[in-house]
């Protein structure tokens, strides 16, 4: 996910702006992706910490605490799943914006409409 933001979206926004395209929507979508990425990082750290905590609990001595901690880890895992699905949708949206940058002449040439 880091690579998508830093090696694709940021450079693409810069190149498109330098080429004179209006990149307002692309920048909004990229910012949304970065917000989700930040949320992903935080949630993943909570998930990881919770899993570590389960390893320190003796389930025989503290079955309720162990169960509650496992359920909390499960909740974080579900949140991570939701976040990754949302990030995937954002990447798709960004991809559509990039496709829309294609000049009409290139699109026409590909379809064979601009035969000479």
Protein backbone atom coordinates (compact mmCIF):
# COMPACT_ATOMS: atom_id res chain seq x y z
CA UNK A 1 0.00 0.00 0.00
CA UNK A 2 2.90 2.31 0.75
CA UNK A 3 4.20 1.75 -2.76
CA UNK A 4 0.88 2.62 -4.35
CA UNK A 5 0.86 5.98 -2.60
CA UNK A 6 4.52 6.92 -2.88
CA UNK A 7 5.58 5.34 -6.16
CA UNK A 8 2.40 5.66 -8.19
CA UNK A 9 -0.12 8.23 -6.97
CA UNK A 10 2.25 11.02 -5.92
CA UNK A 11 4.41 10.88 -9.07
CA UNK A 12 1.34 10.52 -11.31
CA UNK A 13 -0.28 13.58 -9.74
CA UNK A 14 2.92 15.56 -10.30
CA UNK A 15 3.30 14.41 -13.92
CA UNK A 16 -0.33 15.10 -14.73
CA UNK A 17 -0.16 18.58 -13.18
CA UNK A 18 3.08 19.32 -15.03
CA UNK A 19 1.36 18.28 -18.27
CA UNK A 20 -1.40 20.82 -17.61
CA UNK A 21 -4.16 18.47 -16.49
CA UNK A 22 -6.56 19.40 -13.70
CA UNK A 23 -5.47 17.06 -10.92
CA UNK A 24 -7.83 18.29 -8.20
CA UNK A 25 -9.90 15.09 -8.14
CA UNK A 26 -6.83 12.87 -8.39
CA UNK A 27 -5.29 14.66 -5.41
CA UNK A 28 -8.51 14.24 -3.40
CA UNK A 29 -8.62 10.53 -4.14
CA UNK A 30 -4.91 10.16 -3.29
CA UNK A 31 -5.47 12.02 0.00
CA UNK A 32 -8.37 9.69 0.79
CA UNK A 33 -6.12 6.70 0.09
CA UNK A 34 -3.44 8.10 2.40
CA UNK A 35 -6.01 8.63 5.16
CA UNK A 36 -7.11 5.02 4.84
CA UNK A 37 -3.47 3.94 4.81
CA UNK A 38 -2.91 5.79 8.07
CA UNK A 39 -5.99 4.13 9.57
CA UNK A 40 -4.73 0.77 8.31
CA UNK A 41 -1.35 1.28 9.99
CA UNK A 42 -2.93 2.21 13.33
CA UNK A 43 -5.43 -0.65 13.24
CA UNK A 44 -2.77 -3.13 12.20
CA UNK A 45 -0.58 -2.09 15.13
CA UNK A 46 -3.53 -2.56 17.51
CA UNK A 47 -4.21 -5.96 15.95
CA UNK A 48 -0.58 -6.99 16.29
CA UNK A 49 -0.37 -5.78 19.91
CA UNK A 50 -3.58 -7.62 20.78
CA UNK A 51 -2.29 -10.86 19.27
CA UNK A 52 0.91 -10.49 21.29
CA UNK A 53 -1.17 -9.95 24.41
CA UNK A 54 -3.06 -13.21 23.82
CA UNK A 55 0.25 -15.06 23.87
CA UNK A 56 0.99 -13.81 27.38
CA UNK A 57 -2.37 -14.79 28.87
CA UNK A 58 -2.71 -18.24 30.36
CA UNK A 59 -6.11 -19.25 29.10
CA UNK A 60 -6.44 -21.91 31.81
CA UNK A 61 -5.95 -19.29 34.55
CA UNK A 62 -7.81 -16.42 32.87
CA UNK A 63 -10.27 -17.88 30.36
CA UNK A 64 -12.50 -14.79 30.22
CA UNK A 65 -9.60 -12.39 29.70
CA UNK A 66 -8.16 -14.70 27.05
CA UNK A 67 -11.49 -14.98 25.25
CA UNK A 68 -12.07 -11.21 25.38
CA UNK A 69 -8.60 -10.56 23.99
CA UNK A 70 -9.10 -13.04 21.14
CA UNK A 71 -12.45 -11.42 20.33
CA UNK A 72 -10.78 -8.00 20.31
CA UNK A 73 -8.14 -9.28 17.89
CA UNK A 74 -10.93 -10.65 15.73
CA UNK A 75 -12.62 -7.24 15.74
CA UNK A 76 -9.38 -5.55 14.63
CA UNK A 77 -8.97 -8.16 11.89
CA UNK A 78 -12.46 -7.42 10.59
CA UNK A 79 -11.66 -3.70 10.64
CA UNK A 80 -8.50 -4.38 8.64
CA UNK A 81 -10.53 -6.30 6.09
CA UNK A 82 -12.98 -3.42 5.73
CA UNK A 83 -10.14 -0.92 5.35
CA UNK A 84 -8.40 -2.98 2.67
CA UNK A 85 -11.64 -3.32 0.70
CA UNK A 86 -12.11 0.45 0.90
CA UNK A 87 -8.52 1.01 -0.18
CA UNK A 88 -9.07 -1.28 -3.14
CA UNK A 89 -12.10 0.76 -4.17
CA UNK A 90 -10.07 3.96 -3.89
CA UNK A 91 -7.32 2.50 -6.08
CA UNK A 92 -9.94 1.54 -8.66
CA UNK A 93 -11.37 5.07 -8.56
CA UNK A 94 -7.89 6.53 -8.97
CA UNK A 95 -7.23 4.21 -11.89
CA UNK A 96 -10.35 5.46 -13.63
CA UNK A 97 -9.16 9.05 -13.19
CA UNK A 98 -5.81 8.14 -14.69
CA UNK A 99 -7.52 6.46 -17.65
CA UNK A 100 -9.55 9.63 -18.17
CA UNK A 101 -6.29 11.55 -18.73
CA UNK A 102 -5.73 9.83 -22.06
CA UNK A 103 -5.98 12.31 -24.87
CA UNK A 104 -8.92 11.68 -27.21
CA UNK A 105 -6.61 11.26 -30.21
CA UNK A 106 -4.80 8.34 -28.55
CA UNK A 107 -8.11 6.69 -27.70
CA UNK A 108 -9.35 7.21 -31.27
CA UNK A 109 -6.14 5.81 -32.73
CA UNK A 110 -6.42 2.69 -30.59
CA UNK A 111 -9.99 2.08 -31.71
CA UNK A 112 -9.07 2.53 -35.36
CA UNK A 113 -11.32 5.56 -35.76
CA UNK A 114 -8.45 7.75 -36.90
CA UNK A 115 -7.39 5.82 -40.02
CA UNK A 116 -5.53 7.79 -42.62
